[in-house]
Amino acid sequence: SKDLKGAMETLIEQKRRMLSTVEKLDEHMDFASQLIFAQNRGDLTAENVNQCVLEMMIAAPDTLSVTLFFMLILIAEHPTVEEEMMREIETVMGKQELQS
């Protein structure tokens, strides 16, 4: 477990260095890149990034937690989409309290 954690940290650091040197960032914007930038903005901790990358590596990218996390990052990056989603929720739910 310790070796795996160290390997993940090494891979993330390599990715971080690569991102700092590329000329066209949009060609390298994958999920790991999004996580690194979220950490740079202060939205995530290093441990959050490590855990998400670990899940991607051992459990495949379509696990529920990774998929939900990626969806939330995309929503956060597109505030107009978030506003539309909230209006739709309010339209459907009305005054009812949201539940799990």
Protein backbone atom coordinates (compact mmCIF):
# COMPACT_ATOMS: atom_id res chain seq x y z
CA SER A 1 0.00 0.00 0.00
CA LYS A 2 2.86 2.36 0.87
CA ASP A 3 4.64 1.49 -2.39
CA LEU A 4 1.46 2.09 -4.39
CA LYS A 5 0.90 5.46 -2.70
CA GLY A 6 4.48 6.47 -3.46
CA ALA A 7 4.09 5.40 -7.08
CA MET A 8 0.91 7.48 -7.41
CA GLU A 9 2.65 10.53 -5.95
CA THR A 10 5.53 10.06 -8.40
CA LEU A 11 3.16 9.77 -11.38
CA ILE A 12 1.23 12.85 -10.32
CA GLU A 13 4.44 14.83 -9.89
CA GLN A 14 5.60 13.75 -13.37
CA LYS A 15 2.26 14.86 -14.81
CA ARG A 16 2.49 18.18 -12.93
CA ARG A 17 5.99 18.84 -14.38
CA MET A 18 4.82 17.91 -17.87
CA LEU A 19 1.87 20.31 -17.61
CA SER A 20 4.16 23.15 -16.56
CA THR A 21 6.26 22.79 -19.72
CA VAL A 22 3.71 22.15 -22.51
CA GLU A 23 2.99 24.84 -25.06
CA LYS A 24 -0.61 23.85 -25.86
CA LEU A 25 -2.33 22.98 -22.63
CA ASP A 26 -5.64 22.01 -24.26
CA GLU A 27 -3.98 18.98 -25.90
CA HIS A 28 -3.09 17.61 -22.46
CA MET A 29 -6.30 18.28 -20.51
CA ASP A 30 -7.35 14.90 -19.23
CA PHE A 31 -8.89 13.94 -15.90
CA ALA A 32 -5.57 13.85 -14.05
CA SER A 33 -4.78 17.34 -15.38
CA GLN A 34 -8.16 18.59 -14.14
CA LEU A 35 -7.39 17.16 -10.70
CA ILE A 36 -3.98 18.83 -10.59
CA PHE A 37 -5.45 22.20 -11.56
CA ALA A 38 -8.22 21.79 -8.98
CA GLN A 39 -5.51 21.28 -6.36
CA ASN A 40 -3.62 24.34 -7.64
CA ARG A 41 -6.82 26.40 -7.22
CA GLY A 42 -7.24 25.08 -3.68
CA ASP A 43 -10.39 23.09 -4.49
CA LEU A 44 -8.70 19.78 -3.60
CA THR A 45 -5.95 18.58 -1.33
CA ALA A 46 -2.97 16.55 -2.51
CA GLU A 47 -4.55 13.55 -0.76
CA ASN A 48 -7.79 14.04 -2.76
CA VAL A 49 -5.82 14.07 -6.00
CA ASN A 50 -3.80 11.00 -5.01
CA GLN A 51 -6.94 9.07 -4.06
CA CYS A 52 -8.74 9.90 -7.32
CA VAL A 53 -5.73 8.93 -9.43
CA LEU A 54 -5.36 5.72 -7.44
CA GLU A 55 -9.02 4.87 -8.05
CA MET A 56 -8.58 5.55 -11.75
CA MET A 57 -5.56 3.26 -11.89
CA ILE A 58 -6.98 0.30 -9.96
CA ALA A 59 -10.72 0.55 -10.42
CA ALA A 60 -11.09 2.02 -13.94
CA PRO A 61 -12.23 5.51 -14.81
CA ASP A 62 -15.94 4.76 -14.79
CA THR A 63 -16.26 4.01 -11.10
CA LEU A 64 -19.06 5.93 -9.48
CA SER A 65 -16.91 8.18 -7.31
CA VAL A 66 -14.56 9.20 -10.11
CA THR A 67 -17.43 9.77 -12.53
CA LEU A 68 -19.31 11.90 -10.00
CA PHE A 69 -16.19 13.85 -9.14
CA PHE A 70 -15.48 14.57 -12.81
CA MET A 71 -19.11 15.63 -13.31
CA LEU A 72 -18.86 18.02 -10.33
CA ILE A 73 -15.64 19.55 -11.68
CA LEU A 74 -17.30 20.14 -15.05
CA ILE A 75 -20.36 21.71 -13.40
CA ALA A 76 -18.11 23.97 -11.31
CA GLU A 77 -16.30 25.10 -14.47
CA HIS A 78 -19.59 25.95 -16.22
CA PRO A 79 -21.70 28.11 -13.88
CA THR A 80 -24.46 28.65 -16.44
CA VAL A 81 -24.99 24.89 -16.62
CA GLU A 82 -25.14 24.77 -12.82
CA GLU A 83 -27.76 27.54 -12.81
CA GLU A 84 -29.85 25.69 -15.41
CA MET A 85 -29.64 22.47 -13.38
CA MET A 86 -30.75 24.28 -10.22
CA ARG A 87 -33.71 25.85 -12.04
CA GLU A 88 -34.74 22.43 -13.34
CA ILE A 89 -34.47 20.88 -9.87
CA GLU A 90 -36.57 23.71 -8.42
CA THR A 91 -39.15 23.31 -11.20
CA VAL A 92 -39.48 19.56 -10.63
CA MET A 93 -39.22 19.56 -6.84
CA GLY A 94 -41.07 22.78 -6.07
CA LYS A 95 -41.09 23.31 -2.32
CA GLN A 96 -40.38 19.66 -1.53
CA GLU A 97 -37.23 18.99 0.43
CA LEU A 98 -34.51 17.18 -1.51
CA GLN A 99 -33.59 13.72 -0.23
CA SER A 100 -30.92 11.19 -1.15
